[in-house]
Each structure stands twice: as structure tokens, then as C-alpha cells.
Protein backbone atom coordinates (compact mmCIF):
# COMPACT_ATOMS: atom_id res chain seq x y z
CA MET A 1 0.00 -0.01 0.01
CA ALA A 2 1.49 3.26 -1.11
CA LEU A 3 1.44 5.98 1.55
CA SER A 4 3.49 8.80 0.08
CA ALA A 5 5.11 9.71 -3.24
CA ALA A 6 7.58 12.37 -4.35
CA PHE A 7 9.23 13.41 -7.56
CA THR A 8 12.69 15.02 -7.80
CA THR A 9 12.46 18.76 -8.82
CA ASP A 10 13.33 17.90 -12.39
CA GLY A 11 10.76 15.12 -12.54
CA SER A 12 13.31 12.42 -13.50
CA ARG A 13 12.96 10.24 -10.35
CA LEU A 14 10.00 9.07 -8.29
CA ALA A 15 10.06 7.65 -4.74
CA ILE A 16 7.12 5.89 -3.16
CA GLY A 17 6.92 5.13 0.62
CA ALA A 18 4.76 2.23 1.53
CA GLY A 19 3.13 0.28 4.34
CA ASP A 20 5.48 -2.68 3.70
CA ARG A 21 8.32 -0.57 5.25
CA THR A 22 9.90 0.09 1.90
CA ILE A 23 10.80 3.05 -0.36
CA ARG A 24 10.69 2.22 -4.09
CA TYR A 25 12.87 4.34 -6.30
CA PHE A 26 11.89 4.66 -10.06
CA ASP A 27 13.15 6.27 -13.22
CA ALA A 28 10.01 8.42 -13.88
CA ALA A 29 10.45 8.47 -17.69
CA THR A 30 10.67 4.63 -18.13
CA GLY A 31 8.88 3.42 -15.00
CA LYS A 32 11.88 1.04 -14.25
CA GLN A 33 12.41 0.45 -10.62
CA LEU A 34 15.95 1.42 -9.74
CA ARG A 35 16.10 0.34 -6.16
CA VAL A 36 14.05 -0.86 -3.15
CA LEU A 37 15.13 0.75 0.08
CA ARG A 38 14.28 -0.68 3.56
CA PRO A 39 15.28 2.11 5.96
CA HIS A 40 12.50 1.70 8.46
CA ALA A 41 10.90 -0.84 10.86
CA ASP A 42 7.32 0.32 10.19
CA TRP A 43 5.24 2.05 7.59
CA VAL A 44 6.97 4.76 5.57
CA GLN A 45 4.49 7.63 5.84
CA SER A 46 6.40 10.39 4.01
CA VAL A 47 9.13 10.65 1.45
CA THR A 48 10.84 13.67 -0.10
CA PHE A 49 14.01 14.32 -2.10
CA SER A 50 16.86 16.60 -1.10
CA PRO A 51 17.30 19.81 -3.22
CA ASP A 52 20.30 18.11 -4.90
CA ARG A 53 18.30 14.92 -5.49
CA ALA A 54 21.12 12.86 -3.94
CA HIS A 55 19.19 11.88 -0.83
CA LEU A 56 15.75 10.83 0.30
CA LEU A 57 14.24 11.94 3.62
CA SER A 58 11.57 9.60 5.02
CA ALA A 59 9.32 9.62 8.10
CA SER A 60 7.90 6.41 9.58
CA ARG A 61 5.55 5.00 12.21
CA ASP A 62 8.72 3.61 13.82
CA ARG A 63 9.27 7.14 15.25
CA THR A 64 12.19 7.94 13.19
CA ALA A 65 13.14 10.17 10.17
CA ARG A 66 15.95 8.94 8.04
CA ILE A 67 18.07 10.25 5.22
CA THR A 68 19.12 7.70 2.63
CA GLU A 69 21.52 8.17 -0.15
CA THR A 70 19.65 7.48 -3.44
CA ALA A 71 22.78 6.11 -5.28
CA THR A 72 23.74 3.48 -2.81
CA GLY A 73 20.69 3.02 -0.61
CA GLN A 74 22.83 3.58 2.50
CA ILE A 75 21.19 5.29 5.48
CA GLU A 76 23.26 8.41 6.24
CA THR A 77 21.39 9.97 9.08
CA THR A 78 18.68 8.88 11.55
CA TYR A 79 16.79 11.29 13.71
CA GLY A 80 14.96 9.47 16.53
CA GLY A 81 13.72 12.38 18.71
CA HIS A 82 9.98 11.67 18.22
CA GLU A 83 7.88 9.98 20.85
CA THR A 84 5.17 8.98 18.53
CA ALA A 85 4.91 7.96 14.82
CA ALA A 86 6.70 10.35 12.49
CA LEU A 87 4.12 11.59 9.93
CA THR A 88 6.14 13.83 7.62
CA ALA A 89 9.57 15.34 7.10
CA ILE A 90 11.07 17.87 4.69
CA PHE A 91 14.50 19.36 3.83
CA SER A 92 15.25 23.05 4.19
CA ARG A 93 15.93 24.70 0.83
CA ASP A 94 19.73 24.43 1.22
CA GLY A 95 19.34 20.77 2.35
CA LYS A 96 21.39 21.36 5.60
CA THR A 97 18.39 21.20 7.97
CA ALA A 98 15.40 18.88 8.25
CA PHE A 99 11.94 19.47 9.80
CA SER A 100 9.91 16.56 10.97
CA LEU A 101 6.51 16.21 12.61
CA ALA A 102 4.98 13.33 14.52
CA GLN A 103 1.53 12.61 15.94
CA ASN A 104 0.52 15.11 18.64
CA SER A 105 3.98 16.43 18.68
CA PRO A 106 5.90 19.65 18.01
CA VAL A 107 7.90 20.29 14.85
CA HIS A 108 11.49 19.06 15.21
CA VAL A 109 14.33 20.88 13.61
CA TRP A 110 17.61 18.97 13.10
CA GLU A 111 20.81 18.96 11.08
CA THR A 112 20.90 16.63 8.16
CA THR A 113 24.48 15.55 8.82
CA GLY A 114 24.38 13.75 12.15
CA GLY A 115 20.79 14.30 13.13
CA GLU A 116 21.50 16.65 15.98
CA THR A 117 18.76 18.88 17.08
CA SER A 118 19.45 22.43 15.94
CA GLN A 119 16.76 24.15 17.94
CA GLN A 120 14.08 23.27 20.60
CA PRO A 121 11.04 21.62 19.01
CA PHE A 122 8.28 24.19 18.62
CA PRO A 123 4.61 23.36 19.33
CA VAL A 124 1.87 23.54 16.81
CA SER A 125 -1.87 23.58 17.53
CA GLY A 126 -4.36 21.03 16.39
CA ARG A 127 -3.79 17.82 14.47
CA SER A 128 -1.03 18.89 12.14
CA ASP A 129 0.36 16.28 9.75
CA ARG A 130 1.90 18.16 6.77
CA LEU A 131 4.95 20.44 6.32
CA ALA A 132 5.90 22.60 3.32
CA PHE A 133 8.13 25.57 2.57
CA VAL A 134 6.16 28.37 0.97
CA ASN A 135 7.51 31.79 0.06
CA GLY A 136 10.28 31.54 2.67
CA GLY A 137 7.99 30.37 5.50
CA LEU A 138 7.22 27.03 6.83
CA ALA A 139 3.57 26.00 6.36
CA ILE A 140 2.20 23.39 8.82
CA GLY A 141 -1.12 21.98 7.88
CA GLY A 142 -3.53 19.36 9.22
CA ALA A 143 -6.98 17.97 9.37
CA ASP A 144 -8.24 20.97 11.38
CA GLY A 145 -6.71 23.80 9.40
CA LEU A 146 -3.39 25.61 8.49
CA VAL A 147 -0.75 27.27 10.52
CA VAL A 148 1.92 29.28 8.78
CA PHE A 149 5.19 29.95 10.62
CA CYS A 150 7.85 32.35 9.13
CA LEU A 151 11.54 31.84 9.07
CA PRO A 152 14.12 34.57 8.91
CA PRO A 153 16.18 34.39 5.66
CA ARG A 154 18.75 32.13 7.28
CA ILE A 155 17.52 28.89 8.76
CA HIS A 156 20.42 27.87 10.92
CA GLY A 157 19.98 29.20 14.45
CA ALA A 158 16.63 30.72 13.51
CA ARG A 159 13.65 30.93 15.82
CA PHE A 160 10.23 30.64 14.41
CA ARG A 161 7.68 33.38 14.68
CA ALA A 162 4.00 32.49 14.25
CA LEU A 163 1.65 34.36 11.91
CA PRO A 164 -2.07 34.36 12.55
CA GLN A 165 -3.54 30.91 12.10
CA ILE A 166 -5.80 30.32 9.07
CA ARG A 167 -8.66 27.75 9.62
CA LEU A 168 -10.08 25.70 6.82
CA GLY A 169 -12.97 23.27 6.61
CA THR A 170 -11.76 19.67 6.94
CA SER A 171 -13.60 18.53 3.84
CA ILE A 172 -11.55 20.59 1.49
CA ARG A 173 -8.21 20.91 3.41
CA LYS A 174 -5.99 18.92 1.03
CA THR A 175 -6.89 20.97 -1.99
CA VAL A 176 -6.97 24.33 -0.27
CA PHE A 177 -3.76 23.81 1.75
CA VAL A 178 -1.49 24.34 -1.21
CA GLU A 179 -3.59 27.07 -2.80
CA LEU A 180 -3.91 29.17 0.36
CA ALA A 181 -0.29 28.58 1.56
CA VAL A 182 1.07 29.79 -1.83
CA ARG A 183 -0.79 33.11 -1.37
CA CYS A 184 0.56 33.65 2.13
CA LYS A 185 3.24 36.39 2.29
CA PRO A 186 5.85 35.96 5.19
CA ARG A 187 6.68 38.98 7.23
CA PHE A 188 10.03 39.22 8.92
């Protein structure tokens, strides 16, 4: 059962995270499966590529987020700071920092080389389960609405500053999340 999918920014590769604890890595043009990765002990709930496409970041019900090298399939970094199932994880735009979110948990911010926490986890309200970078800010969305947090221009050592929360109806949240988040303008 596929739980998450991600393309590289150029559309040449596809990764699919699944309930069988695997990440399947494909050539998107031919559909040829290039590799099967097994970085987790439970469902792979989220996958995303690094900005340079050389790594995959995954989040799992095993309470970890892991960075795997796409060329070799080797796990390079494991972040195990979550107390519940990790739902999603994303890279910063420069690929040096990762953000991960678990069930009923704050957003964790950690270094992609070594998995060390780079700042205290910051709380989010409601049932958040999605992360995205939008116009320089970090958008955190979930079943009960959308919260947008802004980042200063530099991520390392940054502290998050909350913007007003935007609430959406749960029946349309997945469609509206991206549309509304793209229109938000961060203020520093």
C-alpha cells in the first residue's frame, strides 16, 4: 500500500513510501524500478528528495526520520527524537536542515549531517500532519486547518515566529492547503 510519493524537482525520479516498510525508487520516464530501500521498521508515511536529488528523507511510524543516499541506498542520518509515529519530514531549501513532525508532537528541527537537534522543538496547534516551505515560510497543515510559521532568511539558528492561524474546513483541506499557502506572504 503506497502511503507517500515524491518526484525530484526535475521530474526524473520518483520515490514511493509504503506500508510494507519500503521506499521504491523509480526512473520516472521509463517506469523502471531502480532500487528498493528498507530504511524503516514500520510504515513509511512520508518521502521527499533533497534539493540536490542525492538523498531521500523519510518519516515512519517507527518514530524515526531517516536520510538515505539514493545512489547506494545507504542510510546516512537517523533522527529518533520523536515519541510517537513520525508523519512527515522535509528538507530546508539548502538541504542542511530537516524538519519533522510526529503525531501530537511539536515540529522538530535537526541537522541533516548527524541528526543533531538544531533548536528546541516548537509546538503546533491542532492535528497537524503536513509540512511545506512556501515563500520563505514554513507551512504546517493538518486535518483541522493551516498554520503558517515564518523563518528569517537564514534557517540555521533561527527561531520561528508565528503568523495568525488560518482555519479551513476539513472537507476541503488537502486542495486548499497548497492554494492558500502559496498566497501567504511571510513577514520578517
